[in-house]
Amino acid sequence: MEVNEEELLSDENGNYAYLTFGGYLYTPKYLKDIDHLKCQNCERCLELCETRGIDENGNIIPEFPEICSGCGHCGNVCPAQSIEAKPIPLKEMIERVRKRRNTR
């Protein structure tokens, strides 16, 4: 599926956002960092990550950070609050789309 840059939306802070099926604007938060000093190795994040943005060692997949869908489940279930997620500015998302288009 081809993504048109003109169709990408942003929230009031300039971060990439999209419309949900209910018509609400949602700003996903993508994996930024995992604090391994806080991590309790409970693996709840691994169990919930449908896109496998976290590997079996509890690290963010560095070769393909876009694999994270921004659902936030990993951070929500982390009892140690060791996962940091952040929205992506719309300008950065546009650059990611362009880069991905050019690598095909």
PDB file of N, CA and C in Angstrom:
ATOM      1  N   MET A   1       0.840  -1.169   0.000  1.00  0.00           N
ATOM      2  CA  MET A   1       0.000   0.000   0.000  1.00  0.00           C
ATOM      3  C   MET A   1       0.887   1.234   0.000  1.00  0.00           C
ATOM      4  N   GLU A   2       0.633   2.130  -0.890  1.00  0.00           N
ATOM      5  CA  GLU A   2       1.411   3.359  -1.018  1.00  0.00           C
ATOM      6  C   GLU A   2       0.851   4.436  -0.089  1.00  0.00           C
ATOM      7  N   VAL A   3       1.721   5.114   0.621  1.00  0.00           N
ATOM      8  CA  VAL A   3       1.322   6.192   1.523  1.00  0.00           C
ATOM      9  C   VAL A   3       1.615   7.520   0.838  1.00  0.00           C
ATOM     10  N   ASN A   4       0.619   8.372   0.776  1.00  0.00           N
ATOM     11  CA  ASN A   4       0.803   9.712   0.226  1.00  0.00           C
ATOM     12  C   ASN A   4       1.117  10.670   1.361  1.00  0.00           C
ATOM     13  N   GLU A   5       2.204  11.398   1.212  1.00  0.00           N
ATOM     14  CA  GLU A   5       2.623  12.329   2.261  1.00  0.00           C
ATOM     15  C   GLU A   5       1.532  13.341   2.590  1.00  0.00           C
ATOM     16  N   GLU A   6       0.780  13.768   1.579  1.00  0.00           N
ATOM     17  CA  GLU A   6      -0.262  14.773   1.779  1.00  0.00           C
ATOM     18  C   GLU A   6      -1.396  14.259   2.670  1.00  0.00           C
ATOM     19  N   GLU A   7      -1.521  12.941   2.781  1.00  0.00           N
ATOM     20  CA  GLU A   7      -2.600  12.361   3.568  1.00  0.00           C
ATOM     21  C   GLU A   7      -2.222  12.143   5.029  1.00  0.00           C
ATOM     22  N   LEU A   8      -0.939  12.313   5.364  1.00  0.00           N
ATOM     23  CA  LEU A   8      -0.512  12.136   6.744  1.00  0.00           C
ATOM     24  C   LEU A   8      -1.026  13.288   7.595  1.00  0.00           C
ATOM     25  N   LEU A   9      -1.461  12.977   8.800  1.00  0.00           N
ATOM     26  CA  LEU A   9      -2.050  13.963   9.704  1.00  0.00           C
ATOM     27  C   LEU A   9      -1.119  14.253  10.870  1.00  0.00           C
ATOM     28  N   SER A  10      -1.354  15.381  11.525  1.00  0.00           N
ATOM     29  CA  SER A  10      -0.612  15.682  12.746  1.00  0.00           C
ATOM     30  C   SER A  10      -1.587  16.134  13.820  1.00  0.00           C
ATOM     31  N   ASP A  11      -1.146  15.980  15.066  1.00  0.00           N
ATOM     32  CA  ASP A  11      -1.960  16.467  16.179  1.00  0.00           C
ATOM     33  C   ASP A  11      -1.631  17.937  16.431  1.00  0.00           C
ATOM     34  N   GLU A  12      -2.178  18.501  17.489  1.00  0.00           N
ATOM     35  CA  GLU A  12      -1.974  19.921  17.779  1.00  0.00           C
ATOM     36  C   GLU A  12      -0.523  20.252  18.134  1.00  0.00           C
ATOM     37  N   ASN A  13       0.292  19.233  18.435  1.00  0.00           N
ATOM     38  CA  ASN A  13       1.700  19.448  18.771  1.00  0.00           C
ATOM     39  C   ASN A  13       2.637  19.194  17.590  1.00  0.00           C
ATOM     40  N   GLY A  14       2.081  18.886  16.433  1.00  0.00           N
ATOM     41  CA  GLY A  14       2.901  18.637  15.255  1.00  0.00           C
ATOM     42  C   GLY A  14       3.418  17.220  15.136  1.00  0.00           C
ATOM     43  N   ASN A  15       2.885  16.300  15.955  1.00  0.00           N
ATOM     44  CA  ASN A  15       3.295  14.903  15.898  1.00  0.00           C
ATOM     45  C   ASN A  15       2.403  14.121  14.945  1.00  0.00           C
ATOM     46  N   TYR A  16       2.973  13.079  14.344  1.00  0.00           N
ATOM     47  CA  TYR A  16       2.200  12.214  13.461  1.00  0.00           C
ATOM     48  C   TYR A  16       1.019  11.635  14.232  1.00  0.00           C
ATOM     49  N   ALA A  17      -0.129  11.621  13.609  1.00  0.00           N
ATOM     50  CA  ALA A  17      -1.348  11.069  14.205  1.00  0.00           C
ATOM     51  C   ALA A  17      -2.194  10.470  13.095  1.00  0.00           C
ATOM     52  N   TYR A  18      -3.178   9.686  13.476  1.00  0.00           N
ATOM     53  CA  TYR A  18      -4.092   9.135  12.485  1.00  0.00           C
ATOM     54  C   TYR A  18      -5.500   9.061  13.058  1.00  0.00           C
ATOM     55  N   LEU A  19      -6.461   8.942  12.168  1.00  0.00           N
ATOM     56  CA  LEU A  19      -7.853   8.830  12.594  1.00  0.00           C
ATOM     57  C   LEU A  19      -8.179   7.381  12.919  1.00  0.00           C
ATOM     58  N   THR A  20      -8.829   7.159  14.046  1.00  0.00           N
ATOM     59  CA  THR A  20      -9.270   5.817  14.414  1.00  0.00           C
ATOM     60  C   THR A  20     -10.562   5.503  13.669  1.00  0.00           C
ATOM     61  N   PHE A  21     -10.999   4.260  13.764  1.00  0.00           N
ATOM     62  CA  PHE A  21     -12.257   3.880  13.115  1.00  0.00           C
ATOM     63  C   PHE A  21     -13.427   4.698  13.644  1.00  0.00           C
ATOM     64  N   GLY A  22     -13.340   5.132  14.886  1.00  0.00           N
ATOM     65  CA  GLY A  22     -14.396   5.956  15.475  1.00  0.00           C
ATOM     66  C   GLY A  22     -14.306   7.424  15.100  1.00  0.00           C
ATOM     67  N   GLY A  23     -13.290   7.787  14.323  1.00  0.00           N
ATOM     68  CA  GLY A  23     -13.146   9.167  13.887  1.00  0.00           C
ATOM     69  C   GLY A  23     -12.362  10.064  14.828  1.00  0.00           C
ATOM     70  N   TYR A  24     -11.657   9.464  15.791  1.00  0.00           N
ATOM     71  CA  TYR A  24     -10.857  10.242  16.731  1.00  0.00           C
ATOM     72  C   TYR A  24      -9.411  10.312  16.264  1.00  0.00           C
ATOM     73  N   LEU A  25      -8.765  11.431  16.511  1.00  0.00           N
ATOM     74  CA  LEU A  25      -7.355  11.595  16.183  1.00  0.00           C
ATOM     75  C   LEU A  25      -6.529  10.943  17.288  1.00  0.00           C
ATOM     76  N   TYR A  26      -5.650  10.014  16.904  1.00  0.00           N
ATOM     77  CA  TYR A  26      -4.818   9.294  17.871  1.00  0.00           C
ATOM     78  C   TYR A  26      -3.347   9.530  17.548  1.00  0.00           C
ATOM     79  N   THR A  27      -2.559   9.866  18.565  1.00  0.00           N
ATOM     80  CA  THR A  27      -1.125  10.072  18.406  1.00  0.00           C
ATOM     81  C   THR A  27      -0.401   8.862  18.994  1.00  0.00           C
ATOM     82  N   PRO A  28       0.127   7.980  18.140  1.00  0.00           N
ATOM     83  CA  PRO A  28       0.847   6.815  18.665  1.00  0.00           C
ATOM     84  C   PRO A  28       2.174   7.226  19.283  1.00  0.00           C
ATOM     85  N   LYS A  29       2.630   6.426  20.236  1.00  0.00           N
ATOM     86  CA  LYS A  29       3.940   6.635  20.850  1.00  0.00           C
ATOM     87  C   LYS A  29       4.800   5.423  20.496  1.00  0.00           C
ATOM     88  N   TYR A  30       5.948   5.705  19.906  1.00  0.00           N
ATOM     89  CA  TYR A  30       6.833   4.653  19.424  1.00  0.00           C
ATOM     90  C   TYR A  30       7.978   4.416  20.393  1.00  0.00           C
ATOM     91  N   LEU A  31       8.469   3.183  20.404  1.00  0.00           N
ATOM     92  CA  LEU A  31       9.575   2.824  21.280  1.00  0.00           C
ATOM     93  C   LEU A  31      10.757   3.761  21.082  1.00  0.00           C
ATOM     94  N   LYS A  32      11.249   4.275  22.189  1.00  0.00           N
ATOM     95  CA  LYS A  32      12.430   5.134  22.142  1.00  0.00           C
ATOM     96  C   LYS A  32      13.587   4.479  22.876  1.00  0.00           C
ATOM     97  N   ASP A  33      13.317   3.964  24.082  1.00  0.00           N
ATOM     98  CA  ASP A  33      14.396   3.404  24.885  1.00  0.00           C
ATOM     99  C   ASP A  33      13.827   2.442  25.919  1.00  0.00           C
ATOM    100  N   ILE A  34      14.666   1.498  26.332  1.00  0.00           N
ATOM    101  CA  ILE A  34      14.340   0.592  27.430  1.00  0.00           C
ATOM    102  C   ILE A  34      15.446   0.735  28.465  1.00  0.00           C
ATOM    103  N   ASP A  35      15.083   1.083  29.676  1.00  0.00           N
ATOM    104  CA  ASP A  35      16.054   1.233  30.755  1.00  0.00           C
ATOM    105  C   ASP A  35      16.292  -0.143  31.369  1.00  0.00           C
ATOM    106  N   HIS A  36      17.407  -0.750  31.000  1.00  0.00           N
ATOM    107  CA  HIS A  36      17.698  -2.115  31.452  1.00  0.00           C
ATOM    108  C   HIS A  36      18.064  -2.173  32.931  1.00  0.00           C
ATOM    109  N   LEU A  37      18.396  -1.036  33.531  1.00  0.00           N
ATOM    110  CA  LEU A  37      18.659  -1.025  34.966  1.00  0.00           C
ATOM    111  C   LEU A  37      17.360  -1.146  35.768  1.00  0.00           C
ATOM    112  N   LYS A  38      16.271  -0.632  35.211  1.00  0.00           N
ATOM    113  CA  LYS A  38      14.957  -0.733  35.862  1.00  0.00           C
ATOM    114  C   LYS A  38      14.249  -2.039  35.516  1.00  0.00           C
ATOM    115  N   CYS A  39      14.513  -2.569  34.334  1.00  0.00           N
ATOM    116  CA  CYS A  39      13.799  -3.741  33.813  1.00  0.00           C
ATOM    117  C   CYS A  39      13.896  -4.919  34.778  1.00  0.00           C
ATOM    118  N   GLN A  40      12.753  -5.576  35.014  1.00  0.00           N
ATOM    119  CA  GLN A  40      12.685  -6.724  35.914  1.00  0.00           C
ATOM    120  C   GLN A  40      12.697  -8.054  35.152  1.00  0.00           C
ATOM    121  N   ASN A  41      12.891  -7.993  33.847  1.00  0.00           N
ATOM    122  CA  ASN A  41      12.922  -9.189  32.995  1.00  0.00           C
ATOM    123  C   ASN A  41      11.669 -10.053  33.131  1.00  0.00           C
ATOM    124  N   CYS A  42      10.531  -9.411  33.293  1.00  0.00           N
ATOM    125  CA  CYS A  42       9.274 -10.149  33.429  1.00  0.00           C
ATOM    126  C   CYS A  42       8.747 -10.639  32.073  1.00  0.00           C
ATOM    127  N   GLU A  43       9.220 -10.023  30.984  1.00  0.00           N
ATOM    128  CA  GLU A  43       8.875 -10.367  29.604  1.00  0.00           C
ATOM    129  C   GLU A  43       7.422 -10.067  29.227  1.00  0.00           C
ATOM    130  N   ARG A  44       6.734  -9.272  30.021  1.00  0.00           N
ATOM    131  CA  ARG A  44       5.360  -8.895  29.673  1.00  0.00           C
ATOM    132  C   ARG A  44       5.336  -8.113  28.359  1.00  0.00           C
ATOM    133  N   CYS A  45       6.342  -7.265  28.144  1.00  0.00           N
ATOM    134  CA  CYS A  45       6.401  -6.486  26.905  1.00  0.00           C
ATOM    135  C   CYS A  45       6.565  -7.409  25.703  1.00  0.00           C
ATOM    136  N   LEU A  46       7.378  -8.446  25.861  1.00  0.00           N
ATOM    137  CA  LEU A  46       7.588  -9.390  24.764  1.00  0.00           C
ATOM    138  C   LEU A  46       6.306 -10.152  24.434  1.00  0.00           C
ATOM    139  N   GLU A  47       5.560 -10.511  25.457  1.00  0.00           N
ATOM    140  CA  GLU A  47       4.324 -11.260  25.264  1.00  0.00           C
ATOM    141  C   GLU A  47       3.267 -10.439  24.533  1.00  0.00           C
ATOM    142  N   LEU A  48       3.267  -9.126  24.754  1.00  0.00           N
ATOM    143  CA  LEU A  48       2.244  -8.267  24.160  1.00  0.00           C
ATOM    144  C   LEU A  48       2.635  -7.636  22.835  1.00  0.00           C
ATOM    145  N   CYS A  49       3.907  -7.640  22.488  1.00  0.00           N
ATOM    146  CA  CYS A  49       4.356  -6.959  21.272  1.00  0.00           C
ATOM    147  C   CYS A  49       3.999  -7.782  20.041  1.00  0.00           C
ATOM    148  N   GLU A  50       2.948  -7.354  19.356  1.00  0.00           N
ATOM    149  CA  GLU A  50       2.476  -8.080  18.171  1.00  0.00           C
ATOM    150  C   GLU A  50       3.380  -7.881  16.972  1.00  0.00           C
ATOM    151  N   THR A  51       4.106  -6.769  16.922  1.00  0.00           N
ATOM    152  CA  THR A  51       4.955  -6.491  15.761  1.00  0.00           C
ATOM    153  C   THR A  51       6.386  -6.955  15.962  1.00  0.00           C
ATOM    154  N   ARG A  52       6.702  -7.395  17.160  1.00  0.00           N
ATOM    155  CA  ARG A  52       8.050  -7.838  17.510  1.00  0.00           C
ATOM    156  C   ARG A  52       9.075  -6.714  17.370  1.00  0.00           C
ATOM    157  N   GLY A  53       8.717  -5.540  17.871  1.00  0.00           N
ATOM    158  CA  GLY A  53       9.621  -4.402  17.892  1.00  0.00           C
ATOM    159  C   GLY A  53      10.658  -4.527  18.997  1.00  0.00           C
ATOM    160  N   ILE A  54      10.461  -5.508  19.895  1.00  0.00           N
ATOM    161  CA  ILE A  54      11.407  -5.791  20.970  1.00  0.00           C
ATOM    162  C   ILE A  54      11.895  -7.221  20.756  1.00  0.00           C
ATOM    163  N   ASP A  55      13.212  -7.416  20.795  1.00  0.00           N
ATOM    164  CA  ASP A  55      13.738  -8.763  20.585  1.00  0.00           C
ATOM    165  C   ASP A  55      13.722  -9.573  21.879  1.00  0.00           C
ATOM    166  N   GLU A  56      14.162 -10.827  21.793  1.00  0.00           N
ATOM    167  CA  GLU A  56      14.101 -11.732  22.943  1.00  0.00           C
ATOM    168  C   GLU A  56      15.021 -11.317  24.087  1.00  0.00           C
ATOM    169  N   ASN A  57      15.952 -10.407  23.829  1.00  0.00           N
ATOM    170  CA  ASN A  57      16.825  -9.891  24.875  1.00  0.00           C
ATOM    171  C   ASN A  57      16.305  -8.590  25.481  1.00  0.00           C
ATOM    172  N   GLY A  58      15.126  -8.164  25.037  1.00  0.00           N
ATOM    173  CA  GLY A  58      14.536  -6.937  25.567  1.00  0.00           C
ATOM    174  C   GLY A  58      15.093  -5.678  24.954  1.00  0.00           C
ATOM    175  N   ASN A  59      15.604  -5.777  23.737  1.00  0.00           N
ATOM    176  CA  ASN A  59      16.151  -4.619  23.050  1.00  0.00           C
ATOM    177  C   ASN A  59      15.239  -4.218  21.896  1.00  0.00           C
ATOM    178  N   ILE A  60      15.218  -2.923  21.619  1.00  0.00           N
ATOM    179  CA  ILE A  60      14.476  -2.423  20.467  1.00  0.00           C
ATOM    180  C   ILE A  60      15.211  -2.876  19.213  1.00  0.00           C
ATOM    181  N   ILE A  61      14.475  -3.348  18.218  1.00  0.00           N
ATOM    182  CA  ILE A  61      15.096  -3.799  16.979  1.00  0.00           C
ATOM    183  C   ILE A  61      15.717  -2.582  16.293  1.00  0.00           C
ATOM    184  N   PRO A  62      17.043  -2.430  16.344  1.00  0.00           N
ATOM    185  CA  PRO A  62      17.664  -1.207  15.830  1.00  0.00           C
ATOM    186  C   PRO A  62      17.670  -1.091  14.312  1.00  0.00           C
ATOM    187  N   GLU A  63      17.673  -2.215  13.610  1.00  0.00           N
ATOM    188  CA  GLU A  63      17.747  -2.163  12.161  1.00  0.00           C
ATOM    189  C   GLU A  63      16.448  -1.686  11.526  1.00  0.00           C
ATOM    190  N   PHE A  64      15.352  -1.791  12.265  1.00  0.00           N
ATOM    191  CA  PHE A  64      14.053  -1.494  11.693  1.00  0.00           C
ATOM    192  C   PHE A  64      13.144  -0.876  12.750  1.00  0.00           C
ATOM    193  N   PRO A  65      13.433   0.354  13.210  1.00  0.00           N
ATOM    194  CA  PRO A  65      12.626   0.934  14.284  1.00  0.00           C
ATOM    195  C   PRO A  65      11.170   1.166  13.898  1.00  0.00           C
ATOM    196  N   GLU A  66      10.887   1.247  12.591  1.00  0.00           N
ATOM    197  CA  GLU A  66       9.513   1.486  12.156  1.00  0.00           C
ATOM    198  C   GLU A  66       8.600   0.287  12.401  1.00  0.00           C
ATOM    199  N   ILE A  67       9.172  -0.849  12.788  1.00  0.00           N
ATOM    200  CA  ILE A  67       8.357  -2.030  13.017  1.00  0.00           C
ATOM    201  C   ILE A  67       7.396  -1.804  14.193  1.00  0.00           C
ATOM    202  N   CYS A  68       7.760  -0.929  15.107  1.00  0.00           N
ATOM    203  CA  CYS A  68       6.888  -0.598  16.235  1.00  0.00           C
ATOM    204  C   CYS A  68       5.634   0.079  15.695  1.00  0.00           C
ATOM    205  N   SER A  69       4.478  -0.405  16.107  1.00  0.00           N
ATOM    206  CA  SER A  69       3.215   0.149  15.617  1.00  0.00           C
ATOM    207  C   SER A  69       2.737   1.335  16.450  1.00  0.00           C
ATOM    208  N   GLY A  70       3.377   1.582  17.580  1.00  0.00           N
ATOM    209  CA  GLY A  70       2.979   2.716  18.417  1.00  0.00           C
ATOM    210  C   GLY A  70       1.778   2.445  19.299  1.00  0.00           C
ATOM    211  N   CYS A  71       1.459   1.179  19.518  1.00  0.00           N
ATOM    212  CA  CYS A  71       0.265   0.849  20.306  1.00  0.00           C
ATOM    213  C   CYS A  71       0.414   1.191  21.785  1.00  0.00           C
ATOM    214  N   GLY A  72       1.647   1.147  22.306  1.00  0.00           N
ATOM    215  CA  GLY A  72       1.888   1.496  23.703  1.00  0.00           C
ATOM    216  C   GLY A  72       1.647   0.385  24.698  1.00  0.00           C
ATOM    217  N   HIS A  73       1.289  -0.801  24.233  1.00  0.00           N
ATOM    218  CA  HIS A  73       1.001  -1.902  25.156  1.00  0.00           C
ATOM    219  C   HIS A  73       2.209  -2.259  26.018  1.00  0.00           C
ATOM    220  N   CYS A  74       3.408  -2.223  25.419  1.00  0.00           N
ATOM    221  CA  CYS A  74       4.612  -2.611  26.165  1.00  0.00           C
ATOM    222  C   CYS A  74       4.802  -1.721  27.390  1.00  0.00           C
ATOM    223  N   GLY A  75       4.687  -0.421  27.209  1.00  0.00           N
ATOM    224  CA  GLY A  75       4.845   0.507  28.324  1.00  0.00           C
ATOM    225  C   GLY A  75       3.721   0.408  29.334  1.00  0.00           C
ATOM    226  N   ASN A  76       2.528   0.098  28.852  1.00  0.00           N
ATOM    227  CA  ASN A  76       1.381  -0.008  29.754  1.00  0.00           C
ATOM    228  C   ASN A  76       1.486  -1.201  30.700  1.00  0.00           C
ATOM    229  N   VAL A  77       2.116  -2.291  30.262  1.00  0.00           N
ATOM    230  CA  VAL A  77       2.183  -3.491  31.104  1.00  0.00           C
ATOM    231  C   VAL A  77       3.482  -3.599  31.893  1.00  0.00           C
ATOM    232  N   CYS A  78       4.410  -2.682  31.673  1.00  0.00           N
ATOM    233  CA  CYS A  78       5.711  -2.760  32.339  1.00  0.00           C
ATOM    234  C   CYS A  78       5.588  -2.351  33.807  1.00  0.00           C
ATOM    235  N   PRO A  79       5.768  -3.303  34.743  1.00  0.00           N
ATOM    236  CA  PRO A  79       5.633  -2.958  36.160  1.00  0.00           C
ATOM    237  C   PRO A  79       6.757  -2.040  36.648  1.00  0.00           C
ATOM    238  N   ALA A  80       7.898  -2.054  35.975  1.00  0.00           N
ATOM    239  CA  ALA A  80       9.036  -1.230  36.375  1.00  0.00           C
ATOM    240  C   ALA A  80       9.064   0.121  35.674  1.00  0.00           C
ATOM    241  N   GLN A  81       8.142   0.346  34.764  1.00  0.00           N
ATOM    242  CA  GLN A  81       8.095   1.562  33.959  1.00  0.00           C
ATOM    243  C   GLN A  81       9.462   1.843  33.321  1.00  0.00           C
ATOM    244  N   SER A  82      10.029   0.779  32.728  1.00  0.00           N
ATOM    245  CA  SER A  82      11.358   0.900  32.134  1.00  0.00           C
ATOM    246  C   SER A  82      11.323   1.214  30.647  1.00  0.00           C
ATOM    247  N   ILE A  83      10.128   1.296  30.069  1.00  0.00           N
ATOM    248  CA  ILE A  83      10.016   1.535  28.635  1.00  0.00           C
ATOM    249  C   ILE A  83       9.614   2.974  28.375  1.00  0.00           C
ATOM    250  N   GLU A  84      10.398   3.633  27.535  1.00  0.00           N
ATOM    251  CA  GLU A  84      10.104   5.010  27.146  1.00  0.00           C
ATOM    252  C   GLU A  84       9.623   5.014  25.699  1.00  0.00           C
ATOM    253  N   ALA A  85       8.502   5.644  25.471  1.00  0.00           N
ATOM    254  CA  ALA A  85       7.951   5.762  24.123  1.00  0.00           C
ATOM    255  C   ALA A  85       7.662   7.236  23.864  1.00  0.00           C
ATOM    256  N   LYS A  86       7.706   7.616  22.595  1.00  0.00           N
ATOM    257  CA  LYS A  86       7.471   9.023  22.258  1.00  0.00           C
ATOM    258  C   LYS A  86       6.744   9.119  20.931  1.00  0.00           C
ATOM    259  N   PRO A  87       5.982  10.200  20.756  1.00  0.00           N
ATOM    260  CA  PRO A  87       5.387  10.452  19.449  1.00  0.00           C
ATOM    261  C   PRO A  87       6.485  10.817  18.447  1.00  0.00           C
ATOM    262  N   ILE A  88       6.191  10.675  17.186  1.00  0.00           N
ATOM    263  CA  ILE A  88       7.135  11.048  16.140  1.00  0.00           C
ATOM    264  C   ILE A  88       6.613  12.332  15.476  1.00  0.00           C
ATOM    265  N   PRO A  89       7.458  13.359  15.389  1.00  0.00           N
ATOM    266  CA  PRO A  89       7.029  14.575  14.692  1.00  0.00           C
ATOM    267  C   PRO A  89       6.632  14.254  13.250  1.00  0.00           C
ATOM    268  N   LEU A  90       5.623  14.928  12.747  1.00  0.00           N
ATOM    269  CA  LEU A  90       5.132  14.668  11.399  1.00  0.00           C
ATOM    270  C   LEU A  90       6.251  14.780  10.371  1.00  0.00           C
ATOM    271  N   LYS A  91       7.123  15.763  10.527  1.00  0.00           N
ATOM    272  CA  LYS A  91       8.229  15.926   9.572  1.00  0.00           C
ATOM    273  C   LYS A  91       9.115  14.684   9.534  1.00  0.00           C
ATOM    274  N   GLU A  92       9.372  14.087  10.685  1.00  0.00           N
ATOM    275  CA  GLU A  92      10.194  12.871  10.733  1.00  0.00           C
ATOM    276  C   GLU A  92       9.463  11.699  10.067  1.00  0.00           C
ATOM    277  N   MET A  93       8.149  11.605  10.295  1.00  0.00           N
ATOM    278  CA  MET A  93       7.386  10.522   9.675  1.00  0.00           C
ATOM    279  C   MET A  93       7.411  10.662   8.156  1.00  0.00           C
ATOM    280  N   ILE A  94       7.314  11.874   7.654  1.00  0.00           N
ATOM    281  CA  ILE A  94       7.381  12.095   6.205  1.00  0.00           C
ATOM    282  C   ILE A  94       8.738  11.639   5.678  1.00  0.00           C
ATOM    283  N   GLU A  95       9.806  11.947   6.398  1.00  0.00           N
ATOM    284  CA  GLU A  95      11.147  11.503   5.981  1.00  0.00           C
ATOM    285  C   GLU A  95      11.241   9.979   5.983  1.00  0.00           C
ATOM    286  N   ARG A  96      10.637   9.329   6.972  1.00  0.00           N
ATOM    287  CA  ARG A  96      10.645   7.863   7.015  1.00  0.00           C
ATOM    288  C   ARG A  96       9.906   7.285   5.819  1.00  0.00           C
ATOM    289  N   VAL A  97       8.777   7.888   5.473  1.00  0.00           N
ATOM    290  CA  VAL A  97       8.003   7.417   4.309  1.00  0.00           C
ATOM    291  C   VAL A  97       8.826   7.574   3.044  1.00  0.00           C
ATOM    292  N   ARG A  98       9.473   8.719   2.882  1.00  0.00           N
ATOM    293  CA  ARG A  98      10.306   8.955   1.694  1.00  0.00           C
ATOM    294  C   ARG A  98      11.467   7.960   1.628  1.00  0.00           C
ATOM    295  N   LYS A  99      12.118   7.743   2.763  1.00  0.00           N
ATOM    296  CA  LYS A  99      13.259   6.816   2.803  1.00  0.00           C
ATOM    297  C   LYS A  99      12.803   5.405   2.434  1.00  0.00           C
ATOM    298  N   ARG A 100      11.691   4.995   2.984  1.00  0.00           N
ATOM    299  CA  ARG A 100      11.176   3.642   2.710  1.00  0.00           C
ATOM    300  C   ARG A 100      10.804   3.510   1.233  1.00  0.00           C
ATOM    301  N   ARG A 101      10.199   4.540   0.672  1.00  0.00           N
ATOM    302  CA  ARG A 101       9.814   4.518  -0.742  1.00  0.00           C
ATOM    303  C   ARG A 101      11.055   4.391  -1.621  1.00  0.00           C
ATOM    304  N   ASN A 102      12.138   5.068  -1.246  1.00  0.00           N
ATOM    305  CA  ASN A 102      13.359   5.067  -2.052  1.00  0.00           C
ATOM    306  C   ASN A 102      14.179   3.785  -1.908  1.00  0.00           C
ATOM    307  N   THR A 103      13.907   2.964  -0.895  1.00  0.00           N
ATOM    308  CA  THR A 103      14.656   1.727  -0.724  1.00  0.00           C
ATOM    309  C   THR A 103      13.995   0.545  -1.406  1.00  0.00           C
ATOM    310  N   ARG A 104      12.850   0.756  -1.983  1.00  0.00           N
ATOM    311  CA  ARG A 104      12.143  -0.349  -2.657  1.00  0.00           C
ATOM    312  C   ARG A 104      12.649  -0.548  -4.049  1.00  0.00           C
TER     313      ARG A 104
END
